[in-house]
Amino acid sequence: MMRVSDLPWKTKWYVFLVFPLGAGGLSYVLRAFLEVGWPDVGTALAMTIGFFIGSSSIAFMKPDWLTRHTQPQTRKQKTIKNVLVVLMIVFIAFILIRFFVILLN
């Protein structure tokens, strides 16, 4: 059974600091794009605290999920990954276009 102390230093840094701050900031900006205006700062703090709690919980309960098990991807997995990336890009482009259309009108 793996413990949090067994995780590499870079993984701990990413899980406990980089991911929660980055995800909190990006979710705040995404919410601003969806609402076409900046939400209050309390919302940003609440979202960031939620990401801190979520990533810390995963690290403490299931640290073995955070280690990378490298296996070559199958052709089907690569195709699914590419389709999901394209769908995310289209979604983000749609949100940005919607934001600017509403903002400029």
N, C-alpha and C. Protein backbone atom coordinates (compact mmCIF):
# COMPACT_ATOMS: atom_id res chain seq x y z
N MET A 1 0.85 -1.19 0.00
CA MET A 1 0.00 0.00 0.00
C MET A 1 0.89 1.24 0.00
N MET A 2 0.56 2.17 -0.84
CA MET A 2 1.36 3.37 -0.99
C MET A 2 0.86 4.46 -0.05
N ARG A 3 1.80 5.28 0.43
CA ARG A 3 1.45 6.42 1.27
C ARG A 3 1.81 7.71 0.55
N VAL A 4 1.28 8.82 1.09
CA VAL A 4 1.57 10.12 0.48
C VAL A 4 3.06 10.41 0.54
N SER A 5 3.72 10.00 1.59
CA SER A 5 5.15 10.27 1.72
C SER A 5 5.97 9.51 0.67
N ASP A 6 5.39 8.47 0.06
CA ASP A 6 6.09 7.71 -0.97
C ASP A 6 6.04 8.38 -2.34
N LEU A 7 5.20 9.40 -2.49
CA LEU A 7 5.08 10.07 -3.78
C LEU A 7 6.32 10.91 -4.06
N PRO A 8 6.70 11.03 -5.32
CA PRO A 8 7.83 11.89 -5.66
C PRO A 8 7.53 13.36 -5.33
N TRP A 9 8.60 14.13 -5.13
CA TRP A 9 8.46 15.53 -4.74
C TRP A 9 7.68 16.33 -5.79
N LYS A 10 7.95 16.09 -7.07
CA LYS A 10 7.26 16.83 -8.13
C LYS A 10 5.76 16.53 -8.13
N THR A 11 5.40 15.30 -7.85
CA THR A 11 3.98 14.94 -7.82
C THR A 11 3.29 15.63 -6.65
N LYS A 12 3.93 15.66 -5.50
CA LYS A 12 3.34 16.36 -4.35
C LYS A 12 3.17 17.84 -4.66
N TRP A 13 4.17 18.46 -5.26
CA TRP A 13 4.11 19.87 -5.62
C TRP A 13 2.93 20.13 -6.56
N TYR A 14 2.78 19.26 -7.55
CA TYR A 14 1.71 19.43 -8.52
C TYR A 14 0.33 19.23 -7.86
N VAL A 15 0.18 18.18 -7.07
CA VAL A 15 -1.13 17.84 -6.50
C VAL A 15 -1.57 18.83 -5.43
N PHE A 16 -0.64 19.27 -4.60
CA PHE A 16 -1.03 20.11 -3.47
C PHE A 16 -0.98 21.61 -3.75
N LEU A 17 -0.34 22.05 -4.84
CA LEU A 17 -0.26 23.49 -5.08
C LEU A 17 -0.59 23.88 -6.52
N VAL A 18 0.10 23.31 -7.48
CA VAL A 18 -0.03 23.77 -8.87
C VAL A 18 -1.42 23.47 -9.43
N PHE A 19 -1.90 22.24 -9.29
CA PHE A 19 -3.21 21.90 -9.85
C PHE A 19 -4.35 22.70 -9.23
N PRO A 20 -4.45 22.80 -7.89
CA PRO A 20 -5.58 23.56 -7.34
C PRO A 20 -5.58 25.03 -7.74
N LEU A 21 -4.41 25.67 -7.75
CA LEU A 21 -4.36 27.08 -8.13
C LEU A 21 -4.67 27.27 -9.61
N GLY A 22 -4.10 26.43 -10.44
CA GLY A 22 -4.37 26.54 -11.87
C GLY A 22 -5.81 26.23 -12.23
N ALA A 23 -6.36 25.17 -11.65
CA ALA A 23 -7.75 24.82 -11.94
C ALA A 23 -8.71 25.86 -11.39
N GLY A 24 -8.41 26.42 -10.22
CA GLY A 24 -9.25 27.48 -9.66
C GLY A 24 -9.26 28.71 -10.53
N GLY A 25 -8.08 29.11 -11.01
CA GLY A 25 -8.00 30.28 -11.89
C GLY A 25 -8.70 30.06 -13.21
N LEU A 26 -8.48 28.89 -13.81
CA LEU A 26 -9.12 28.60 -15.09
C LEU A 26 -10.64 28.48 -14.95
N SER A 27 -11.11 27.90 -13.86
CA SER A 27 -12.56 27.79 -13.67
C SER A 27 -13.19 29.16 -13.45
N TYR A 28 -12.46 30.06 -12.80
CA TYR A 28 -12.97 31.43 -12.59
C TYR A 28 -13.08 32.16 -13.93
N VAL A 29 -12.07 32.02 -14.78
CA VAL A 29 -12.09 32.66 -16.10
C VAL A 29 -13.18 32.04 -16.97
N LEU A 30 -13.33 30.72 -16.94
CA LEU A 30 -14.37 30.06 -17.71
C LEU A 30 -15.75 30.52 -17.25
N ARG A 31 -15.93 30.65 -15.95
CA ARG A 31 -17.22 31.13 -15.45
C ARG A 31 -17.46 32.58 -15.89
N ALA A 32 -16.42 33.38 -15.92
CA ALA A 32 -16.56 34.76 -16.41
C ALA A 32 -16.98 34.77 -17.87
N PHE A 33 -16.40 33.88 -18.68
CA PHE A 33 -16.79 33.81 -20.09
C PHE A 33 -18.24 33.36 -20.23
N LEU A 34 -18.66 32.39 -19.41
CA LEU A 34 -20.03 31.90 -19.51
C LEU A 34 -21.04 32.94 -19.04
N GLU A 35 -20.71 33.72 -18.02
CA GLU A 35 -21.63 34.72 -17.50
C GLU A 35 -21.49 36.06 -18.18
N VAL A 36 -20.49 36.24 -19.02
CA VAL A 36 -20.17 37.49 -19.70
C VAL A 36 -20.05 38.62 -18.67
N GLY A 37 -19.22 38.40 -17.71
CA GLY A 37 -18.92 39.38 -16.67
C GLY A 37 -18.13 38.68 -15.58
N TRP A 38 -17.42 39.46 -14.80
CA TRP A 38 -16.58 38.85 -13.77
C TRP A 38 -17.39 38.56 -12.52
N PRO A 39 -17.40 37.29 -12.06
CA PRO A 39 -18.06 36.98 -10.79
C PRO A 39 -17.28 37.58 -9.63
N ASP A 40 -17.87 37.59 -8.45
CA ASP A 40 -17.17 38.16 -7.30
C ASP A 40 -15.97 37.30 -6.90
N VAL A 41 -15.09 37.89 -6.14
CA VAL A 41 -13.84 37.22 -5.76
C VAL A 41 -14.11 36.05 -4.82
N GLY A 42 -15.17 36.13 -4.04
CA GLY A 42 -15.53 35.02 -3.15
C GLY A 42 -15.78 33.73 -3.92
N THR A 43 -16.33 33.87 -5.10
CA THR A 43 -16.56 32.69 -5.95
C THR A 43 -15.24 32.06 -6.36
N ALA A 44 -14.28 32.88 -6.71
CA ALA A 44 -12.96 32.36 -7.10
C ALA A 44 -12.30 31.64 -5.93
N LEU A 45 -12.40 32.22 -4.74
CA LEU A 45 -11.81 31.58 -3.57
C LEU A 45 -12.51 30.26 -3.27
N ALA A 46 -13.83 30.24 -3.39
CA ALA A 46 -14.57 29.00 -3.10
C ALA A 46 -14.20 27.90 -4.09
N MET A 47 -14.09 28.24 -5.36
CA MET A 47 -13.72 27.23 -6.36
C MET A 47 -12.30 26.72 -6.11
N THR A 48 -11.38 27.62 -5.79
CA THR A 48 -10.00 27.21 -5.55
C THR A 48 -9.90 26.33 -4.30
N ILE A 49 -10.61 26.70 -3.24
CA ILE A 49 -10.61 25.88 -2.03
C ILE A 49 -11.18 24.50 -2.33
N GLY A 50 -12.22 24.44 -3.16
CA GLY A 50 -12.78 23.15 -3.56
C GLY A 50 -11.76 22.29 -4.29
N PHE A 51 -10.97 22.90 -5.17
CA PHE A 51 -9.94 22.13 -5.87
C PHE A 51 -8.84 21.68 -4.91
N PHE A 52 -8.49 22.51 -3.93
CA PHE A 52 -7.52 22.09 -2.91
C PHE A 52 -8.04 20.88 -2.15
N ILE A 53 -9.30 20.93 -1.73
CA ILE A 53 -9.89 19.82 -0.97
C ILE A 53 -9.94 18.56 -1.83
N GLY A 54 -10.36 18.71 -3.08
CA GLY A 54 -10.49 17.54 -3.96
C GLY A 54 -9.16 16.87 -4.25
N SER A 55 -8.16 17.65 -4.62
CA SER A 55 -6.87 17.04 -4.95
C SER A 55 -6.18 16.48 -3.72
N SER A 56 -6.33 17.15 -2.59
CA SER A 56 -5.73 16.64 -1.35
C SER A 56 -6.41 15.35 -0.92
N SER A 57 -7.72 15.28 -1.09
CA SER A 57 -8.45 14.06 -0.71
C SER A 57 -7.98 12.87 -1.54
N ILE A 58 -7.83 13.08 -2.84
CA ILE A 58 -7.36 11.99 -3.69
C ILE A 58 -5.94 11.58 -3.29
N ALA A 59 -5.10 12.56 -2.99
CA ALA A 59 -3.72 12.25 -2.62
C ALA A 59 -3.64 11.46 -1.32
N PHE A 60 -4.50 11.78 -0.37
CA PHE A 60 -4.44 11.08 0.91
C PHE A 60 -5.15 9.73 0.88
N MET A 61 -6.25 9.63 0.12
CA MET A 61 -6.99 8.37 0.11
C MET A 61 -6.45 7.37 -0.89
N LYS A 62 -6.09 7.83 -2.08
CA LYS A 62 -5.62 6.93 -3.14
C LYS A 62 -4.33 7.45 -3.77
N PRO A 63 -3.21 7.49 -3.05
CA PRO A 63 -1.98 8.03 -3.64
C PRO A 63 -1.46 7.21 -4.81
N ASP A 64 -1.82 5.93 -4.88
CA ASP A 64 -1.35 5.12 -6.00
C ASP A 64 -1.99 5.54 -7.32
N TRP A 65 -3.10 6.26 -7.29
CA TRP A 65 -3.71 6.78 -8.51
C TRP A 65 -2.86 7.88 -9.13
N LEU A 66 -2.01 8.50 -8.34
CA LEU A 66 -1.22 9.64 -8.81
C LEU A 66 0.09 9.23 -9.47
N THR A 67 0.47 7.99 -9.34
CA THR A 67 1.69 7.54 -9.99
C THR A 67 1.37 7.14 -11.41
N ARG A 68 2.29 7.40 -12.30
CA ARG A 68 2.05 7.11 -13.72
C ARG A 68 2.47 5.68 -14.04
N HIS A 69 1.54 4.96 -14.61
CA HIS A 69 1.84 3.62 -15.10
C HIS A 69 1.88 3.72 -16.61
N THR A 70 3.07 3.73 -17.16
CA THR A 70 3.19 3.96 -18.59
C THR A 70 2.95 2.66 -19.35
N GLN A 71 1.95 2.69 -20.18
CA GLN A 71 1.65 1.60 -21.09
C GLN A 71 1.39 2.23 -22.44
N PRO A 72 1.80 1.59 -23.49
CA PRO A 72 1.53 2.16 -24.81
C PRO A 72 0.02 2.20 -25.08
N GLN A 73 -0.41 3.31 -25.70
CA GLN A 73 -1.82 3.44 -26.01
C GLN A 73 -2.18 2.60 -27.23
N THR A 74 -3.38 2.05 -27.19
CA THR A 74 -3.86 1.32 -28.35
C THR A 74 -4.36 2.32 -29.39
N ARG A 75 -4.63 1.84 -30.56
CA ARG A 75 -5.11 2.71 -31.64
C ARG A 75 -6.47 3.30 -31.27
N LYS A 76 -7.32 2.51 -30.64
CA LYS A 76 -8.64 2.97 -30.23
C LYS A 76 -8.52 4.09 -29.18
N GLN A 77 -7.61 3.93 -28.22
CA GLN A 77 -7.41 4.94 -27.20
C GLN A 77 -6.90 6.24 -27.81
N LYS A 78 -6.00 6.16 -28.78
CA LYS A 78 -5.49 7.35 -29.43
C LYS A 78 -6.59 8.07 -30.19
N THR A 79 -7.45 7.29 -30.87
CA THR A 79 -8.55 7.89 -31.61
C THR A 79 -9.52 8.60 -30.66
N ILE A 80 -9.86 7.96 -29.56
CA ILE A 80 -10.77 8.56 -28.57
C ILE A 80 -10.15 9.82 -27.99
N LYS A 81 -8.86 9.78 -27.68
CA LYS A 81 -8.17 10.95 -27.15
C LYS A 81 -8.21 12.11 -28.14
N ASN A 82 -7.95 11.84 -29.40
CA ASN A 82 -7.98 12.88 -30.42
C ASN A 82 -9.37 13.47 -30.59
N VAL A 83 -10.39 12.63 -30.56
CA VAL A 83 -11.77 13.12 -30.69
C VAL A 83 -12.13 14.01 -29.50
N LEU A 84 -11.74 13.61 -28.30
CA LEU A 84 -12.05 14.41 -27.11
C LEU A 84 -11.31 15.75 -27.13
N VAL A 85 -10.08 15.75 -27.60
CA VAL A 85 -9.33 17.00 -27.69
C VAL A 85 -9.99 17.95 -28.68
N VAL A 86 -10.41 17.43 -29.82
CA VAL A 86 -11.09 18.26 -30.82
C VAL A 86 -12.40 18.81 -30.26
N LEU A 87 -13.17 17.97 -29.56
CA LEU A 87 -14.42 18.43 -28.97
C LEU A 87 -14.20 19.52 -27.92
N MET A 88 -13.15 19.38 -27.12
CA MET A 88 -12.85 20.42 -26.12
C MET A 88 -12.45 21.72 -26.79
N ILE A 89 -11.67 21.64 -27.85
CA ILE A 89 -11.26 22.86 -28.57
C ILE A 89 -12.48 23.54 -29.19
N VAL A 90 -13.39 22.76 -29.77
CA VAL A 90 -14.61 23.32 -30.35
C VAL A 90 -15.46 23.97 -29.26
N PHE A 91 -15.57 23.32 -28.11
CA PHE A 91 -16.36 23.87 -27.00
C PHE A 91 -15.78 25.19 -26.51
N ILE A 92 -14.47 25.24 -26.34
CA ILE A 92 -13.83 26.47 -25.88
C ILE A 92 -13.96 27.58 -26.92
N ALA A 93 -13.82 27.22 -28.20
CA ALA A 93 -14.00 28.22 -29.25
C ALA A 93 -15.44 28.74 -29.26
N PHE A 94 -16.41 27.86 -29.06
CA PHE A 94 -17.81 28.29 -29.00
C PHE A 94 -18.04 29.25 -27.84
N ILE A 95 -17.48 28.95 -26.69
CA ILE A 95 -17.65 29.83 -25.52
C ILE A 95 -16.99 31.18 -25.78
N LEU A 96 -15.80 31.20 -26.35
CA LEU A 96 -15.13 32.47 -26.64
C LEU A 96 -15.89 33.30 -27.66
N ILE A 97 -16.37 32.65 -28.72
CA ILE A 97 -17.14 33.38 -29.73
C ILE A 97 -18.42 33.94 -29.11
N ARG A 98 -19.10 33.13 -28.33
CA ARG A 98 -20.32 33.59 -27.65
C ARG A 98 -20.02 34.77 -26.74
N PHE A 99 -18.93 34.68 -25.99
CA PHE A 99 -18.55 35.75 -25.08
C PHE A 99 -18.34 37.07 -25.83
N PHE A 100 -17.58 37.02 -26.91
CA PHE A 100 -17.29 38.25 -27.65
C PHE A 100 -18.50 38.78 -28.40
N VAL A 101 -19.37 37.91 -28.89
CA VAL A 101 -20.59 38.37 -29.57
C VAL A 101 -21.50 39.09 -28.58
N ILE A 102 -21.69 38.51 -27.41
CA ILE A 102 -22.53 39.15 -26.40
C ILE A 102 -21.88 40.42 -25.87
N LEU A 103 -20.58 40.40 -25.70
CA LEU A 103 -19.87 41.56 -25.16
C LEU A 103 -19.92 42.75 -26.13
N LEU A 104 -19.80 42.48 -27.43
CA LEU A 104 -19.75 43.56 -28.42
C LEU A 104 -21.13 44.09 -28.82
N ASN A 105 -22.18 43.38 -28.50
CA ASN A 105 -23.53 43.86 -28.83
C ASN A 105 -24.06 44.80 -27.80
